[in-house]
C-alpha cells in the first residue's frame, strides 16, 4: 500500500452487472411460473329488457323500421334493397343536410343483427348522432 501523495494510481471503479442481470432474470422466471392467469373463456350474456318509457317527446323523428327479414322502411316507405349505399342515399333524401334530426330505429325482435348494425353505420356516416332505439315496455 503506497500512501504517498504523488504516487496515486487512478483506477476506475468497475461494477460488474452480470450477476445482477442473472438475479433479475431468475426473479422474472419465478414470477411468470408462479402467477396464475384468470381466463374468461365462456361469457354469459343476458340482454337487458326495457322497462322505462322514453323520457322526452321527440320533434318529428325520422323512423327507420327494419322487419324480420332485414328489409328497411323509412317513414313507412320501403328502401329498394338492403345495401349500405342505398340506405345512406334514402336517409340522405329524407333528412337532407340536417344532422340534428333524431333517427328512431324500430327493429323487429327477429331482425338479423347485421341489418341493425348496417342501419347504425349508415346513420353514423351521414353524421346523424341522435339515435333512439324503440322498444316495447315490458310489463
Protein backbone atom coordinates (compact mmCIF):
# COMPACT_ATOMS: atom_id res chain seq x y z
CA UNK A 1 0.00 0.00 0.00
CA UNK A 2 1.54 3.25 -1.16
CA UNK A 3 0.21 6.27 0.77
CA UNK A 4 2.47 8.86 -0.72
CA UNK A 5 0.51 11.74 -2.29
CA UNK A 6 2.39 11.88 -5.57
CA UNK A 7 2.12 8.23 -6.49
CA UNK A 8 -1.66 7.66 -6.56
CA UNK A 9 -2.92 5.49 -9.38
CA UNK A 10 -6.23 6.47 -10.99
CA UNK A 11 -8.02 3.20 -11.14
CA UNK A 12 -11.65 3.40 -12.25
CA UNK A 13 -14.29 1.76 -10.15
CA UNK A 14 -15.90 -1.01 -12.10
CA UNK A 15 -19.28 -2.54 -11.24
CA UNK A 16 -19.95 -5.94 -12.68
CA UNK A 17 -23.65 -6.11 -13.72
CA UNK A 18 -23.64 -9.71 -14.90
CA UNK A 19 -24.71 -11.23 -11.54
CA UNK A 20 -27.41 -8.56 -11.17
CA UNK A 21 -28.85 -9.38 -14.59
CA UNK A 22 -28.86 -13.07 -13.70
CA UNK A 23 -30.76 -12.38 -10.47
CA UNK A 24 -33.36 -10.22 -12.25
CA UNK A 25 -33.79 -12.88 -14.93
CA UNK A 26 -34.33 -15.58 -12.29
CA UNK A 27 -36.88 -13.40 -10.47
CA UNK A 28 -38.74 -12.81 -13.73
CA UNK A 29 -38.91 -16.55 -14.43
CA UNK A 30 -40.06 -17.23 -10.87
CA UNK A 31 -42.94 -14.72 -11.08
CA UNK A 32 -44.01 -15.92 -14.52
CA UNK A 33 -44.15 -19.54 -13.41
CA UNK A 34 -45.89 -18.87 -10.10
CA UNK A 35 -48.51 -16.47 -11.49
CA UNK A 36 -52.00 -17.61 -12.34
CA UNK A 37 -53.96 -16.02 -15.11
CA UNK A 38 -57.70 -15.54 -14.88
CA UNK A 39 -59.38 -16.64 -18.09
CA UNK A 40 -62.90 -15.74 -19.13
CA UNK A 41 -63.45 -18.17 -21.96
CA UNK A 42 -67.20 -18.51 -21.53
CA UNK A 43 -69.19 -15.32 -21.27
CA UNK A 44 -72.80 -15.47 -20.24
CA UNK A 45 -74.70 -12.59 -21.79
CA UNK A 46 -78.19 -11.68 -20.73
CA UNK A 47 -79.78 -8.99 -22.83
CA UNK A 48 -81.49 -6.16 -20.94
CA UNK A 49 -85.20 -5.52 -21.06
CA UNK A 50 -86.62 -2.06 -21.48
CA UNK A 51 -88.96 -1.11 -18.66
CA UNK A 52 -88.87 2.67 -18.90
CA UNK A 53 -90.69 4.79 -21.40
CA UNK A 54 -89.00 7.48 -23.46
CA UNK A 55 -88.13 10.43 -21.21
CA UNK A 56 -89.00 13.26 -23.59
CA UNK A 57 -91.02 13.58 -26.76
CA UNK A 58 -89.07 13.76 -30.00
CA UNK A 59 -89.83 16.52 -32.51
CA UNK A 60 -90.65 14.68 -35.74
CA UNK A 61 -88.05 11.90 -35.64
CA UNK A 62 -87.21 10.02 -38.82
CA UNK A 63 -88.44 6.46 -38.26
CA UNK A 64 -86.24 3.73 -39.71
CA UNK A 65 -88.03 0.38 -39.41
CA UNK A 66 -86.43 -3.00 -40.07
CA UNK A 67 -88.62 -6.06 -40.48
CA UNK A 68 -87.73 -9.63 -39.52
CA UNK A 69 -86.21 -10.36 -42.93
CA UNK A 70 -83.91 -7.29 -42.79
CA UNK A 71 -85.82 -5.00 -45.16
CA UNK A 72 -85.62 -1.27 -44.40
CA UNK A 73 -88.52 1.19 -44.28
CA UNK A 74 -88.04 4.94 -43.83
CA UNK A 75 -91.26 6.57 -42.61
CA UNK A 76 -93.26 3.56 -43.90
CA UNK A 77 -91.68 3.67 -47.39
CA UNK A 78 -89.63 0.61 -48.33
CA UNK A 79 -86.00 1.08 -49.33
CA UNK A 80 -85.18 -0.62 -52.64
CA UNK A 81 -82.57 -3.05 -51.25
CA UNK A 82 -80.55 -3.74 -48.12
CA UNK A 83 -77.21 -2.34 -49.35
CA UNK A 84 -75.42 0.26 -47.21
CA UNK A 85 -75.11 2.83 -50.02
CA UNK A 86 -78.81 2.52 -50.91
CA UNK A 87 -79.79 3.01 -47.28
CA UNK A 88 -77.50 6.04 -46.98
CA UNK A 89 -78.99 7.59 -50.14
CA UNK A 90 -82.53 7.04 -48.85
CA UNK A 91 -81.69 8.56 -45.47
CA UNK A 92 -79.92 11.50 -47.16
CA UNK A 93 -83.03 12.18 -49.28
CA UNK A 94 -85.21 12.12 -46.17
CA UNK A 95 -83.10 14.26 -43.80
CA UNK A 96 -81.34 16.45 -46.36
CA UNK A 97 -78.25 18.17 -44.93
CA UNK A 98 -79.62 18.33 -41.37
CA UNK A 99 -77.58 16.36 -38.83
CA UNK A 100 -79.61 17.36 -35.76
CA UNK A 101 -82.51 15.08 -36.74
CA UNK A 102 -83.38 12.25 -34.37
CA UNK A 103 -83.35 8.82 -36.02
CA UNK A 104 -85.76 6.39 -34.36
CA UNK A 105 -84.68 2.82 -35.09
CA UNK A 106 -87.54 0.30 -34.88
CA UNK A 107 -86.27 -3.23 -35.47
CA UNK A 108 -88.24 -6.44 -35.20
CA UNK A 109 -87.03 -8.77 -32.45
CA UNK A 110 -86.06 -11.36 -35.06
CA UNK A 111 -84.15 -8.90 -37.26
CA UNK A 112 -80.64 -10.06 -38.13
CA UNK A 113 -78.03 -8.21 -36.10
CA UNK A 114 -76.16 -7.24 -39.27
CA UNK A 115 -79.17 -5.25 -40.50
CA UNK A 116 -79.29 -3.19 -37.30
CA UNK A 117 -75.54 -2.57 -37.40
CA UNK A 118 -75.77 -1.53 -41.06
CA UNK A 119 -78.52 0.98 -40.21
CA UNK A 120 -76.45 2.43 -37.37
CA UNK A 121 -73.41 2.61 -39.63
CA UNK A 122 -75.35 4.45 -42.33
CA UNK A 123 -76.62 6.97 -39.78
CA UNK A 124 -73.13 7.49 -38.42
CA UNK A 125 -71.64 8.03 -41.88
CA UNK A 126 -74.26 10.70 -42.57
CA UNK A 127 -73.42 12.47 -39.31
CA UNK A 128 -76.67 11.62 -37.53
CA UNK A 129 -75.71 11.45 -33.88
CA UNK A 130 -79.16 11.39 -32.26
CA UNK A 131 -80.22 7.76 -32.43
CA UNK A 132 -83.02 6.19 -30.43
CA UNK A 133 -83.94 2.53 -30.42
CA UNK A 134 -87.63 1.85 -30.00
CA UNK A 135 -88.65 -0.82 -27.51
CA UNK A 136 -91.89 -2.10 -26.10
CA UNK A 137 -92.47 -1.58 -22.42
CA UNK A 138 -92.08 -4.83 -20.50
CA UNK A 139 -94.97 -5.46 -18.12
